[in-house]
Amino acid sequence: MLTFTIDRPERRNAINDQVMQGFREVMDYVYEHPSVRFLVITGAGDRAFCSGGDLSEFHALTTAEEASTMLSKMAELLYEWATLPVPTIALINGAAVGGGCEIATACDFRLVARHAKCGFIQGTLAITTGWGGGTYLFQRGLRHDRALKMLVDASVYPAEQLFEIGWAMRVFDGDACEALNTFIGNMRKIEPGVHKAYKEMEIRKWKNAELYTRIQEEVATCARLWEQEPHLQAVERFLNKNK
């Protein structure tokens, strides 16, 4: 088992270029080391799994073209993550909001700490999901109305509600590592080739559904909204509030 920890607790584990490079490196490691059976992603500390893109760094992106470059880079990484040949697990130890919720949705499984809240809050910034999260959400098998409501609410949901609607597979109390080990207990007994075969089935379904093309369209939509005045003003308010 390999664990990738987003280690920026001072920024609520927000994504920047350095974290994106970490995604690239950990996926390269999985491809180069067939002994890796599971890939886990979590956040440092217990306050946040991931708070999405770091607006203190990305606020300088003001045009659709500039935004598209950043969005496309992360969307490409997440698509590769979602289509890895091993099961991927989001160990959600704290808040997963915005892009953090997109990252968790791209994983095969989501284990959520009872105190954690998660949500696609992008709408509060006058944009949509832009890393593929909306597309993954509709593809994950949630009832359509529940998936759509989660997106248009643009608010955070408590862990129990996330379990009820089918986004979270487990809600856990106590130690996250213990919860993870319990979850993969039976999976560890199965030959890795079986896991890879089932992942291939899922990936074939996604290819037939043109998932990659739909994600690119999601990126383009978010980029168009990014350069518009409502988003630029919302970012300015957010940064001023957090000074």
C-alpha atoms as a PDB file:
ATOM      1  CA  MET A   1       0.000   0.000   0.000  1.00  0.00           C
ATOM      2  CA  LEU A   2       1.261   3.448  -0.929  1.00  0.00           C
ATOM      3  CA  THR A   3      -0.013   6.631   0.747  1.00  0.00           C
ATOM      4  CA  PHE A   4       0.230  10.104  -0.762  1.00  0.00           C
ATOM      5  CA  THR A   5      -0.204  12.829   1.867  1.00  0.00           C
ATOM      6  CA  ILE A   6      -0.915  16.406   0.814  1.00  0.00           C
ATOM      7  CA  ASP A   7       1.321  18.149   3.339  1.00  0.00           C
ATOM      8  CA  ARG A   8       0.339  21.814   3.471  1.00  0.00           C
ATOM      9  CA  PRO A   9      -1.673  22.008   6.700  1.00  0.00           C
ATOM     10  CA  GLU A  10      -0.977  25.736   7.029  1.00  0.00           C
ATOM     11  CA  ARG A  11      -2.927  26.189   3.759  1.00  0.00           C
ATOM     12  CA  ARG A  12      -5.546  23.553   4.587  1.00  0.00           C
ATOM     13  CA  ASN A  13      -3.725  21.245   2.167  1.00  0.00           C
ATOM     14  CA  ALA A  14      -4.596  23.404  -0.826  1.00  0.00           C
ATOM     15  CA  ILE A  15      -3.295  22.394  -4.248  1.00  0.00           C
ATOM     16  CA  ASN A  16      -0.470  24.328  -5.894  1.00  0.00           C
ATOM     17  CA  ASP A  17       2.088  23.452  -8.572  1.00  0.00           C
ATOM     18  CA  GLN A  18       4.276  21.629  -6.057  1.00  0.00           C
ATOM     19  CA  VAL A  19       1.408  19.358  -4.997  1.00  0.00           C
ATOM     20  CA  MET A  20       0.573  18.718  -8.648  1.00  0.00           C
ATOM     21  CA  GLN A  21       4.158  17.574  -9.124  1.00  0.00           C
ATOM     22  CA  GLY A  22       3.637  15.252  -6.172  1.00  0.00           C
ATOM     23  CA  PHE A  23       0.668  13.674  -7.965  1.00  0.00           C
ATOM     24  CA  ARG A  24       2.874  13.104 -10.998  1.00  0.00           C
ATOM     25  CA  GLU A  25       5.649  11.503  -8.960  1.00  0.00           C
ATOM     26  CA  VAL A  26       3.417   9.169  -6.955  1.00  0.00           C
ATOM     27  CA  MET A  27       1.654   7.924 -10.086  1.00  0.00           C
ATOM     28  CA  ASP A  28       4.994   7.327 -11.801  1.00  0.00           C
ATOM     29  CA  TYR A  29       6.001   5.302  -8.746  1.00  0.00           C
ATOM     30  CA  VAL A  30       2.867   3.144  -9.046  1.00  0.00           C
ATOM     31  CA  TYR A  31       3.624   2.396 -12.693  1.00  0.00           C
ATOM     32  CA  GLU A  32       7.260   1.594 -11.929  1.00  0.00           C
ATOM     33  CA  HIS A  33       6.553  -0.620  -8.907  1.00  0.00           C
ATOM     34  CA  PRO A  34       4.030  -3.398  -9.641  1.00  0.00           C
ATOM     35  CA  SER A  35       4.174  -4.400  -5.968  1.00  0.00           C
ATOM     36  CA  VAL A  36       1.942  -1.405  -5.065  1.00  0.00           C
ATOM     37  CA  ARG A  37      -1.530  -2.837  -4.494  1.00  0.00           C
ATOM     38  CA  PHE A  38      -3.474   0.189  -3.224  1.00  0.00           C
ATOM     39  CA  LEU A  39      -2.969   3.930  -3.544  1.00  0.00           C
ATOM     40  CA  VAL A  40      -4.288   6.076  -0.702  1.00  0.00           C
ATOM     41  CA  ILE A  41      -4.551   9.866  -0.632  1.00  0.00           C
ATOM     42  CA  THR A  42      -5.034  11.871   2.553  1.00  0.00           C
ATOM     43  CA  GLY A  43      -4.180  15.257   4.047  1.00  0.00           C
ATOM     44  CA  ALA A  44      -1.749  16.269   6.771  1.00  0.00           C
ATOM     45  CA  GLY A  45      -3.306  17.049  10.149  1.00  0.00           C
ATOM     46  CA  ASP A  46      -6.950  16.502  11.036  1.00  0.00           C
ATOM     47  CA  ARG A  47      -8.566  19.753   9.900  1.00  0.00           C
ATOM     48  CA  ALA A  48      -8.480  19.319   6.137  1.00  0.00           C
ATOM     49  CA  PHE A  49      -8.190  16.597   3.548  1.00  0.00           C
ATOM     50  CA  CYS A  50      -7.855  19.229   0.834  1.00  0.00           C
ATOM     51  CA  SER A  51      -9.377  22.680   0.376  1.00  0.00           C
ATOM     52  CA  GLY A  52      -9.021  22.702  -3.407  1.00  0.00           C
ATOM     53  CA  GLY A  53      -6.879  25.034  -5.461  1.00  0.00           C
ATOM     54  CA  ASP A  54      -4.746  27.549  -3.565  1.00  0.00           C
ATOM     55  CA  LEU A  55      -6.388  30.839  -4.489  1.00  0.00           C
ATOM     56  CA  SER A  56      -3.518  32.777  -2.919  1.00  0.00           C
ATOM     57  CA  GLU A  57      -1.422  31.440  -5.808  1.00  0.00           C
ATOM     58  CA  PHE A  58      -4.005  30.960  -8.543  1.00  0.00           C
ATOM     59  CA  HIS A  59      -5.769  34.336  -8.137  1.00  0.00           C
ATOM     60  CA  ALA A  60      -3.275  35.820 -10.589  1.00  0.00           C
ATOM     61  CA  LEU A  61      -4.912  33.745 -13.326  1.00  0.00           C
ATOM     62  CA  THR A  62      -7.506  36.154 -14.708  1.00  0.00           C
ATOM     63  CA  THR A  63      -8.134  35.078 -18.304  1.00  0.00           C
ATOM     64  CA  ALA A  64      -9.842  31.945 -19.589  1.00  0.00           C
ATOM     65  CA  GLU A  65      -6.627  30.902 -21.321  1.00  0.00           C
ATOM     66  CA  GLU A  66      -4.569  31.238 -18.126  1.00  0.00           C
ATOM     67  CA  ALA A  67      -7.174  29.390 -16.081  1.00  0.00           C
ATOM     68  CA  SER A  68      -7.467  26.656 -18.693  1.00  0.00           C
ATOM     69  CA  THR A  69      -3.753  25.911 -18.462  1.00  0.00           C
ATOM     70  CA  MET A  70      -3.966  25.277 -14.709  1.00  0.00           C
ATOM     71  CA  LEU A  71      -7.318  23.488 -14.847  1.00  0.00           C
ATOM     72  CA  SER A  72      -6.234  21.232 -17.709  1.00  0.00           C
ATOM     73  CA  LYS A  73      -3.015  20.286 -15.935  1.00  0.00           C
ATOM     74  CA  MET A  74      -4.837  19.133 -12.800  1.00  0.00           C
ATOM     75  CA  ALA A  75      -7.671  17.530 -14.772  1.00  0.00           C
ATOM     76  CA  GLU A  76      -5.142  15.469 -16.742  1.00  0.00           C
ATOM     77  CA  LEU A  77      -3.484  14.335 -13.507  1.00  0.00           C
ATOM     78  CA  LEU A  78      -6.819  13.399 -11.950  1.00  0.00           C
ATOM     79  CA  TYR A  79      -7.914  11.449 -15.026  1.00  0.00           C
ATOM     80  CA  GLU A  80      -4.696   9.464 -14.896  1.00  0.00           C
ATOM     81  CA  TRP A  81      -5.253   8.960 -11.163  1.00  0.00           C
ATOM     82  CA  ALA A  82      -8.817   7.743 -11.741  1.00  0.00           C
ATOM     83  CA  THR A  83      -7.648   5.273 -14.395  1.00  0.00           C
ATOM     84  CA  LEU A  84      -4.703   3.808 -12.482  1.00  0.00           C
ATOM     85  CA  PRO A  85      -4.603  -0.021 -12.539  1.00  0.00           C
ATOM     86  CA  VAL A  86      -4.859  -0.253  -8.736  1.00  0.00           C
ATOM     87  CA  PRO A  87      -7.706   0.653  -6.353  1.00  0.00           C
ATOM     88  CA  THR A  88      -7.502   4.242  -5.125  1.00  0.00           C
ATOM     89  CA  ILE A  89      -8.812   5.300  -1.721  1.00  0.00           C
ATOM     90  CA  ALA A  90      -9.512   8.801  -0.402  1.00  0.00           C
ATOM     91  CA  LEU A  91      -8.906   8.748   3.354  1.00  0.00           C
ATOM     92  CA  ILE A  92     -10.797  11.914   4.212  1.00  0.00           C
ATOM     93  CA  ASN A  93      -9.450  13.034   7.560  1.00  0.00           C
ATOM     94  CA  GLY A  94     -10.933  16.534   7.455  1.00  0.00           C
ATOM     95  CA  ALA A  95     -12.761  18.981   5.212  1.00  0.00           C
ATOM     96  CA  ALA A  96     -12.750  18.164   1.488  1.00  0.00           C
ATOM     97  CA  VAL A  97     -14.132  21.161  -0.350  1.00  0.00           C
ATOM     98  CA  GLY A  98     -14.014  22.511  -3.877  1.00  0.00           C
ATOM     99  CA  GLY A  99     -11.205  20.819  -5.752  1.00  0.00           C
ATOM    100  CA  GLY A 100     -10.574  18.636  -2.715  1.00  0.00           C
ATOM    101  CA  CYS A 101     -14.027  17.139  -3.202  1.00  0.00           C
ATOM    102  CA  GLU A 102     -13.172  16.602  -6.880  1.00  0.00           C
ATOM    103  CA  ILE A 103     -10.005  14.706  -5.943  1.00  0.00           C
ATOM    104  CA  ALA A 104     -11.927  12.491  -3.533  1.00  0.00           C
ATOM    105  CA  THR A 105     -14.610  11.814  -6.145  1.00  0.00           C
ATOM    106  CA  ALA A 106     -11.977  10.703  -8.646  1.00  0.00           C
ATOM    107  CA  CYS A 107     -10.948   7.941  -6.228  1.00  0.00           C
ATOM    108  CA  ASP A 108     -12.560   4.508  -6.247  1.00  0.00           C
ATOM    109  CA  PHE A 109     -13.452   4.631  -2.538  1.00  0.00           C
ATOM    110  CA  ARG A 110     -14.076   7.388   0.008  1.00  0.00           C
ATOM    111  CA  LEU A 111     -13.633   6.839   3.753  1.00  0.00           C
ATOM    112  CA  VAL A 112     -14.802   9.891   5.687  1.00  0.00           C
ATOM    113  CA  ALA A 113     -14.022  10.853   9.289  1.00  0.00           C
ATOM    114  CA  ARG A 114     -17.225  11.563  11.197  1.00  0.00           C
ATOM    115  CA  HIS A 115     -16.191  15.152  11.904  1.00  0.00           C
ATOM    116  CA  ALA A 116     -15.328  15.886   8.267  1.00  0.00           C
ATOM    117  CA  LYS A 117     -17.528  17.901   5.941  1.00  0.00           C
ATOM    118  CA  CYS A 118     -17.278  17.767   2.167  1.00  0.00           C
ATOM    119  CA  GLY A 119     -18.808  19.684  -0.683  1.00  0.00           C
ATOM    120  CA  PHE A 120     -18.535  21.135  -4.162  1.00  0.00           C
ATOM    121  CA  ILE A 121     -18.458  24.769  -3.060  1.00  0.00           C
ATOM    122  CA  GLN A 122     -17.205  26.101  -6.402  1.00  0.00           C
ATOM    123  CA  GLY A 123     -20.561  27.762  -7.042  1.00  0.00           C
ATOM    124  CA  THR A 124     -19.893  30.207  -4.192  1.00  0.00           C
ATOM    125  CA  LEU A 125     -17.005  31.487  -6.315  1.00  0.00           C
ATOM    126  CA  ALA A 126     -19.195  31.740  -9.431  1.00  0.00           C
ATOM    127  CA  ILE A 127     -17.485  28.842 -11.213  1.00  0.00           C
ATOM    128  CA  THR A 128     -18.186  25.159 -11.784  1.00  0.00           C
ATOM    129  CA  THR A 129     -16.019  22.168 -11.028  1.00  0.00           C
ATOM    130  CA  GLY A 130     -12.999  22.351 -13.307  1.00  0.00           C
ATOM    131  CA  TRP A 131     -10.832  19.307 -12.651  1.00  0.00           C
ATOM    132  CA  GLY A 132     -13.401  16.731 -13.755  1.00  0.00           C
ATOM    133  CA  GLY A 133     -15.171  16.385 -10.411  1.00  0.00           C
ATOM    134  CA  GLY A 134     -18.663  17.040 -11.719  1.00  0.00           C
ATOM    135  CA  THR A 135     -18.202  14.487 -14.481  1.00  0.00           C
ATOM    136  CA  TYR A 136     -16.861  11.875 -12.050  1.00  0.00           C
ATOM    137  CA  LEU A 137     -19.754  12.535  -9.681  1.00  0.00           C
ATOM    138  CA  PHE A 138     -22.354  11.806 -12.349  1.00  0.00           C
ATOM    139  CA  GLN A 139     -20.371   8.733 -13.417  1.00  0.00           C
ATOM    140  CA  ARG A 140     -20.049   7.241  -9.925  1.00  0.00           C
ATOM    141  CA  GLY A 141     -23.542   5.799  -9.785  1.00  0.00           C
ATOM    142  CA  LEU A 142     -25.202   8.247  -7.396  1.00  0.00           C
ATOM    143  CA  ARG A 143     -28.845   8.898  -8.093  1.00  0.00           C
ATOM    144  CA  HIS A 144     -28.954  11.750 -10.594  1.00  0.00           C
ATOM    145  CA  ASP A 145     -30.958  14.071  -8.356  1.00  0.00           C
ATOM    146  CA  ARG A 146     -28.577  13.541  -5.436  1.00  0.00           C
ATOM    147  CA  ALA A 147     -25.498  14.181  -7.565  1.00  0.00           C
ATOM    148  CA  LEU A 148     -26.993  17.298  -9.126  1.00  0.00           C
ATOM    149  CA  LYS A 149     -28.185  18.607  -5.748  1.00  0.00           C
ATOM    150  CA  MET A 150     -24.696  18.175  -4.315  1.00  0.00           C
ATOM    151  CA  LEU A 151     -23.289  20.326  -7.127  1.00  0.00           C
ATOM    152  CA  VAL A 152     -25.924  23.055  -7.216  1.00  0.00           C
ATOM    153  CA  ASP A 153     -26.091  23.388  -3.421  1.00  0.00           C
ATOM    154  CA  ALA A 154     -22.465  24.595  -3.434  1.00  0.00           C
ATOM    155  CA  SER A 155     -22.343  23.819   0.273  1.00  0.00           C
ATOM    156  CA  VAL A 156     -20.727  21.290   2.593  1.00  0.00           C
ATOM    157  CA  TYR A 157     -22.424  18.088   3.686  1.00  0.00           C
ATOM    158  CA  PRO A 158     -21.789  16.281   7.004  1.00  0.00           C
ATOM    159  CA  ALA A 159     -20.304  12.789   6.879  1.00  0.00           C
ATOM    160  CA  GLU A 160     -23.537  10.964   7.681  1.00  0.00           C
ATOM    161  CA  GLN A 161     -25.372  12.705   4.836  1.00  0.00           C
ATOM    162  CA  LEU A 162     -22.511  11.863   2.469  1.00  0.00           C
ATOM    163  CA  PHE A 163     -22.950   8.217   3.424  1.00  0.00           C
ATOM    164  CA  GLU A 164     -26.725   8.352   3.016  1.00  0.00           C
ATOM    165  CA  ILE A 165     -26.535   9.692  -0.538  1.00  0.00           C
ATOM    166  CA  GLY A 166     -23.865   7.162  -1.501  1.00  0.00           C
ATOM    167  CA  TRP A 167     -20.835   9.443  -1.937  1.00  0.00           C
ATOM    168  CA  ALA A 168     -19.021   8.119   1.156  1.00  0.00           C
ATOM    169  CA  MET A 169     -18.542   4.364   1.415  1.00  0.00           C
ATOM    170  CA  ARG A 170     -17.603   4.406   5.115  1.00  0.00           C
ATOM    171  CA  VAL A 171     -17.811   6.885   7.970  1.00  0.00           C
ATOM    172  CA  PHE A 172     -15.247   6.231  10.647  1.00  0.00           C
ATOM    173  CA  ASP A 173     -14.477   7.292  14.193  1.00  0.00           C
ATOM    174  CA  GLY A 174     -11.083   7.310  15.811  1.00  0.00           C
ATOM    175  CA  ASP A 175      -7.789   6.537  14.126  1.00  0.00           C
ATOM    176  CA  ALA A 176      -7.792   6.931  10.334  1.00  0.00           C
ATOM    177  CA  CYS A 177      -5.103   4.298   9.779  1.00  0.00           C
ATOM    178  CA  GLU A 178      -7.119   1.728  11.728  1.00  0.00           C
ATOM    179  CA  ALA A 179     -10.202   2.540   9.666  1.00  0.00           C
ATOM    180  CA  LEU A 180      -8.182   2.144   6.475  1.00  0.00           C
ATOM    181  CA  ASN A 181      -6.683  -1.191   7.520  1.00  0.00           C
ATOM    182  CA  THR A 182     -10.116  -2.523   8.432  1.00  0.00           C
ATOM    183  CA  PHE A 183     -11.516  -1.406   5.083  1.00  0.00           C
ATOM    184  CA  ILE A 184      -8.846  -3.128   2.996  1.00  0.00           C
ATOM    185  CA  GLY A 185      -8.672  -6.244   5.201  1.00  0.00           C
ATOM    186  CA  ASN A 186     -10.508  -8.514   2.756  1.00  0.00           C
ATOM    187  CA  MET A 187      -9.060  -6.819  -0.310  1.00  0.00           C
ATOM    188  CA  ARG A 188      -5.548  -7.698   0.839  1.00  0.00           C
ATOM    189  CA  LYS A 189      -6.389 -11.404   0.593  1.00  0.00           C
ATOM    190  CA  ILE A 190      -7.156 -11.200  -3.130  1.00  0.00           C
ATOM    191  CA  GLU A 191      -4.598 -11.581  -5.903  1.00  0.00           C
ATOM    192  CA  PRO A 192      -3.587  -8.157  -7.293  1.00  0.00           C
ATOM    193  CA  GLY A 193      -4.329  -9.320 -10.827  1.00  0.00           C
ATOM    194  CA  VAL A 194      -7.992  -9.618  -9.894  1.00  0.00           C
ATOM    195  CA  HIS A 195      -8.091  -5.999  -8.738  1.00  0.00           C
ATOM    196  CA  LYS A 196      -6.430  -4.850 -11.950  1.00  0.00           C
ATOM    197  CA  ALA A 197      -8.911  -6.816 -14.054  1.00  0.00           C
ATOM    198  CA  TYR A 198     -11.868  -5.159 -12.354  1.00  0.00           C
ATOM    199  CA  LYS A 199     -10.292  -1.728 -12.749  1.00  0.00           C
ATOM    200  CA  GLU A 200      -9.898  -2.447 -16.457  1.00  0.00           C
ATOM    201  CA  MET A 201     -13.632  -3.202 -16.661  1.00  0.00           C
ATOM    202  CA  GLU A 202     -14.433   0.154 -15.108  1.00  0.00           C
ATOM    203  CA  ILE A 203     -12.010   1.979 -17.391  1.00  0.00           C
ATOM    204  CA  ARG A 204     -13.547   0.343 -20.482  1.00  0.00           C
ATOM    205  CA  LYS A 205     -16.955   1.591 -19.359  1.00  0.00           C
ATOM    206  CA  TRP A 206     -15.570   5.103 -18.975  1.00  0.00           C
ATOM    207  CA  LYS A 207     -13.976   5.047 -22.405  1.00  0.00           C
ATOM    208  CA  ASN A 208     -17.267   3.955 -23.959  1.00  0.00           C
ATOM    209  CA  ALA A 209     -18.958   6.825 -22.123  1.00  0.00           C
ATOM    210  CA  GLU A 210     -16.349   9.266 -23.517  1.00  0.00           C
ATOM    211  CA  LEU A 211     -15.422  10.342 -20.003  1.00  0.00           C
ATOM    212  CA  TYR A 212     -12.195  12.058 -21.049  1.00  0.00           C
ATOM    213  CA  THR A 213     -13.967  14.211 -23.642  1.00  0.00           C
ATOM    214  CA  ARG A 214     -16.617  15.193 -21.126  1.00  0.00           C
ATOM    215  CA  ILE A 215     -13.934  16.202 -18.625  1.00  0.00           C
ATOM    216  CA  GLN A 216     -12.298  18.421 -21.240  1.00  0.00           C
ATOM    217  CA  GLU A 217     -15.654  20.117 -21.805  1.00  0.00           C
ATOM    218  CA  GLU A 218     -15.991  20.619 -18.036  1.00  0.00           C
ATOM    219  CA  VAL A 219     -12.565  22.283 -17.965  1.00  0.00           C
ATOM    220  CA  ALA A 220     -13.537  24.605 -20.827  1.00  0.00           C
ATOM    221  CA  THR A 221     -16.771  25.625 -19.071  1.00  0.00           C
ATOM    222  CA  CYS A 222     -14.971  26.440 -15.838  1.00  0.00           C
ATOM    223  CA  ALA A 223     -12.297  28.416 -17.704  1.00  0.00           C
ATOM    224  CA  ARG A 224     -14.950  30.583 -19.389  1.00  0.00           C
ATOM    225  CA  LEU A 225     -16.554  31.368 -16.051  1.00  0.00           C
ATOM    226  CA  TRP A 226     -13.157  31.960 -14.415  1.00  0.00           C
ATOM    227  CA  GLU A 227     -12.444  35.159 -16.371  1.00  0.00           C
ATOM    228  CA  GLN A 228     -15.868  36.679 -15.790  1.00  0.00           C
ATOM    229  CA  GLU A 229     -16.409  39.448 -13.279  1.00  0.00           C
ATOM    230  CA  PRO A 230     -18.533  37.495 -10.735  1.00  0.00           C
ATOM    231  CA  HIS A 231     -15.678  35.029 -10.191  1.00  0.00           C
ATOM    232  CA  LEU A 232     -12.961  37.670 -10.033  1.00  0.00           C
ATOM    233  CA  GLN A 233     -14.977  39.609  -7.459  1.00  0.00           C
ATOM    234  CA  ALA A 234     -15.689  36.460  -5.422  1.00  0.00           C
ATOM    235  CA  VAL A 235     -11.977  35.608  -5.310  1.00  0.00           C
ATOM    236  CA  GLU A 236     -11.156  39.151  -4.202  1.00  0.00           C
ATOM    237  CA  ARG A 237     -13.691  38.918  -1.374  1.00  0.00           C
ATOM    238  CA  PHE A 238     -12.308  35.528  -0.334  1.00  0.00           C
ATOM    239  CA  LEU A 239      -8.711  36.734  -0.225  1.00  0.00           C
ATOM    240  CA  ASN A 240      -9.632  39.912   1.705  1.00  0.00           C
ATOM    241  CA  LYS A 241     -11.591  37.837   4.229  1.00  0.00           C
ATOM    242  CA  ASN A 242      -8.638  35.534   4.796  1.00  0.00           C
ATOM    243  CA  LYS A 243      -5.935  38.190   5.164  1.00  0.00           C
END
